[in-house]
Amino acid sequence: MLSADRIIEFLVAQRAIAAALVALWAFVSLCIIARLWVLHPRDRLISKLVWSLVLLIPLFGWLFFAAFYRSPEASTWTGHAEHGRDADVGFTGSGHV
């Protein structure tokens, strides 16, 4: 079984792999943070700063952002939905199973 100590020892011994993982983490985090700031300019500054810090946490920050961040556009959208939660589940035609 892998322990945290063994993972750290491996990454210290394999610095190229550790550097690649840090670069990948930084790239993904910065892309998500940039998307947050560009696509949601009307959100509160404090909220965006907090989410930016959360997004710097590898994997868990990304998952928390995906699970808990609700943009104002998503909560006020009232358009037509053919599929999903807002779709009408009744069928009017024949041949549907």
C-alpha atoms as a PDB file:
ATOM      1  CA  MET A   1       0.000   0.000   0.000  1.00  0.00           C
ATOM      2  CA  LEU A   2       1.208   3.479  -0.829  1.00  0.00           C
ATOM      3  CA  SER A   3       1.751   5.796   2.073  1.00  0.00           C
ATOM      4  CA  ALA A   4       2.316   9.528   1.946  1.00  0.00           C
ATOM      5  CA  ASP A   5       5.948   9.031   2.939  1.00  0.00           C
ATOM      6  CA  ARG A   6       6.580   6.644   0.044  1.00  0.00           C
ATOM      7  CA  ILE A   7       4.945   9.022  -2.430  1.00  0.00           C
ATOM      8  CA  ILE A   8       7.057  11.922  -1.175  1.00  0.00           C
ATOM      9  CA  GLU A   9      10.227   9.792  -1.355  1.00  0.00           C
ATOM     10  CA  PHE A  10       9.356   8.817  -4.925  1.00  0.00           C
ATOM     11  CA  LEU A  11       8.751  12.415  -5.975  1.00  0.00           C
ATOM     12  CA  VAL A  12      11.995  13.573  -4.353  1.00  0.00           C
ATOM     13  CA  ALA A  13      13.884  10.841  -6.207  1.00  0.00           C
ATOM     14  CA  GLN A  14      12.089  11.538  -9.499  1.00  0.00           C
ATOM     15  CA  ARG A  15      12.295  15.312  -9.745  1.00  0.00           C
ATOM     16  CA  ALA A  16      11.325  15.401 -13.419  1.00  0.00           C
ATOM     17  CA  ILE A  17       8.018  13.658 -12.667  1.00  0.00           C
ATOM     18  CA  ALA A  18       7.406  15.968  -9.700  1.00  0.00           C
ATOM     19  CA  ALA A  19       8.085  19.034 -11.851  1.00  0.00           C
ATOM     20  CA  ALA A  20       5.723  17.764 -14.571  1.00  0.00           C
ATOM     21  CA  LEU A  21       2.964  17.161 -12.006  1.00  0.00           C
ATOM     22  CA  VAL A  22       3.417  20.649 -10.521  1.00  0.00           C
ATOM     23  CA  ALA A  23       3.339  22.182 -14.007  1.00  0.00           C
ATOM     24  CA  LEU A  24       0.156  20.273 -14.871  1.00  0.00           C
ATOM     25  CA  TRP A  25      -1.468  21.303 -11.569  1.00  0.00           C
ATOM     26  CA  ALA A  26      -0.529  24.955 -12.090  1.00  0.00           C
ATOM     27  CA  PHE A  27      -1.769  24.965 -15.699  1.00  0.00           C
ATOM     28  CA  VAL A  28      -5.160  23.464 -14.842  1.00  0.00           C
ATOM     29  CA  SER A  29      -5.638  25.682 -11.784  1.00  0.00           C
ATOM     30  CA  LEU A  30      -4.695  28.866 -13.623  1.00  0.00           C
ATOM     31  CA  CYS A  31      -6.965  27.997 -16.568  1.00  0.00           C
ATOM     32  CA  ILE A  32      -9.945  27.488 -14.256  1.00  0.00           C
ATOM     33  CA  ILE A  33      -9.134  30.667 -12.308  1.00  0.00           C
ATOM     34  CA  ALA A  34      -8.848  32.671 -15.544  1.00  0.00           C
ATOM     35  CA  ARG A  35     -12.174  31.269 -16.715  1.00  0.00           C
ATOM     36  CA  LEU A  36     -13.754  32.263 -13.403  1.00  0.00           C
ATOM     37  CA  TRP A  37     -12.519  35.854 -13.668  1.00  0.00           C
ATOM     38  CA  VAL A  38     -13.284  36.304 -17.392  1.00  0.00           C
ATOM     39  CA  LEU A  39     -16.678  34.618 -17.679  1.00  0.00           C
ATOM     40  CA  HIS A  40     -18.138  35.932 -14.403  1.00  0.00           C
ATOM     41  CA  PRO A  41     -17.192  39.630 -14.250  1.00  0.00           C
ATOM     42  CA  ARG A  42     -20.264  40.591 -12.208  1.00  0.00           C
ATOM     43  CA  ASP A  43     -19.609  38.224  -9.310  1.00  0.00           C
ATOM     44  CA  ARG A  44     -18.410  39.735  -6.046  1.00  0.00           C
ATOM     45  CA  LEU A  45     -14.683  40.344  -5.750  1.00  0.00           C
ATOM     46  CA  ILE A  46     -14.394  38.567  -2.381  1.00  0.00           C
ATOM     47  CA  SER A  47     -16.167  35.498  -3.752  1.00  0.00           C
ATOM     48  CA  LYS A  48     -13.835  35.284  -6.743  1.00  0.00           C
ATOM     49  CA  LEU A  49     -10.761  35.728  -4.528  1.00  0.00           C
ATOM     50  CA  VAL A  50     -11.878  32.927  -2.203  1.00  0.00           C
ATOM     51  CA  TRP A  51     -12.657  30.603  -5.115  1.00  0.00           C
ATOM     52  CA  SER A  52      -9.289  31.445  -6.674  1.00  0.00           C
ATOM     53  CA  LEU A  53      -7.546  30.317  -3.487  1.00  0.00           C
ATOM     54  CA  VAL A  54      -9.661  27.159  -3.320  1.00  0.00           C
ATOM     55  CA  LEU A  55      -8.787  26.352  -6.926  1.00  0.00           C
ATOM     56  CA  LEU A  56      -5.095  26.318  -6.035  1.00  0.00           C
ATOM     57  CA  ILE A  57      -5.680  23.116  -4.051  1.00  0.00           C
ATOM     58  CA  PRO A  58      -4.977  20.269  -6.492  1.00  0.00           C
ATOM     59  CA  LEU A  59      -7.962  18.020  -7.301  1.00  0.00           C
ATOM     60  CA  PHE A  60     -10.007  18.803  -4.184  1.00  0.00           C
ATOM     61  CA  GLY A  61     -10.258  22.508  -4.993  1.00  0.00           C
ATOM     62  CA  TRP A  62     -11.322  21.681  -8.536  1.00  0.00           C
ATOM     63  CA  LEU A  63     -13.980  19.260  -7.259  1.00  0.00           C
ATOM     64  CA  PHE A  64     -15.314  21.749  -4.675  1.00  0.00           C
ATOM     65  CA  PHE A  65     -15.539  24.443  -7.344  1.00  0.00           C
ATOM     66  CA  ALA A  66     -17.448  22.145  -9.695  1.00  0.00           C
ATOM     67  CA  ALA A  67     -19.787  21.006  -6.935  1.00  0.00           C
ATOM     68  CA  PHE A  68     -20.547  24.234  -5.084  1.00  0.00           C
ATOM     69  CA  TYR A  69     -19.956  27.216  -7.370  1.00  0.00           C
ATOM     70  CA  ARG A  70     -23.214  28.417  -8.878  1.00  0.00           C
ATOM     71  CA  SER A  71     -23.030  31.170 -11.408  1.00  0.00           C
ATOM     72  CA  PRO A  72     -25.877  33.689 -11.481  1.00  0.00           C
ATOM     73  CA  GLU A  73     -26.646  32.747 -15.089  1.00  0.00           C
ATOM     74  CA  ALA A  74     -27.366  29.146 -14.129  1.00  0.00           C
ATOM     75  CA  SER A  75     -29.824  30.061 -11.381  1.00  0.00           C
ATOM     76  CA  THR A  76     -31.801  32.580 -13.449  1.00  0.00           C
ATOM     77  CA  TRP A  77     -31.977  30.682 -16.745  1.00  0.00           C
ATOM     78  CA  THR A  78     -35.570  30.080 -17.807  1.00  0.00           C
ATOM     79  CA  GLY A  79     -35.086  28.842 -21.358  1.00  0.00           C
ATOM     80  CA  HIS A  80     -36.544  25.754 -22.939  1.00  0.00           C
ATOM     81  CA  ALA A  81     -34.991  22.410 -22.031  1.00  0.00           C
ATOM     82  CA  GLU A  82     -35.423  19.291 -24.141  1.00  0.00           C
ATOM     83  CA  HIS A  83     -33.332  17.115 -21.847  1.00  0.00           C
ATOM     84  CA  GLY A  84     -32.479  17.281 -18.208  1.00  0.00           C
ATOM     85  CA  ARG A  85     -34.160  18.382 -15.032  1.00  0.00           C
ATOM     86  CA  ASP A  86     -36.500  20.949 -16.624  1.00  0.00           C
ATOM     87  CA  ALA A  87     -37.626  18.773 -19.537  1.00  0.00           C
ATOM     88  CA  ASP A  88     -41.183  17.558 -19.904  1.00  0.00           C
ATOM     89  CA  VAL A  89     -41.198  13.817 -19.210  1.00  0.00           C
ATOM     90  CA  GLY A  90     -44.509  13.049 -20.936  1.00  0.00           C
ATOM     91  CA  PHE A  91     -44.520  11.607 -24.431  1.00  0.00           C
ATOM     92  CA  THR A  92     -47.172  12.702 -26.932  1.00  0.00           C
ATOM     93  CA  GLY A  93     -46.212  10.545 -29.892  1.00  0.00           C
ATOM     94  CA  SER A  94     -46.493   6.827 -30.440  1.00  0.00           C
ATOM     95  CA  GLY A  95     -43.560   4.498 -30.706  1.00  0.00           C
ATOM     96  CA  HIS A  96     -41.659   5.873 -27.714  1.00  0.00           C
ATOM     97  CA  VAL A  97     -40.588   3.337 -25.169  1.00  0.00           C
END
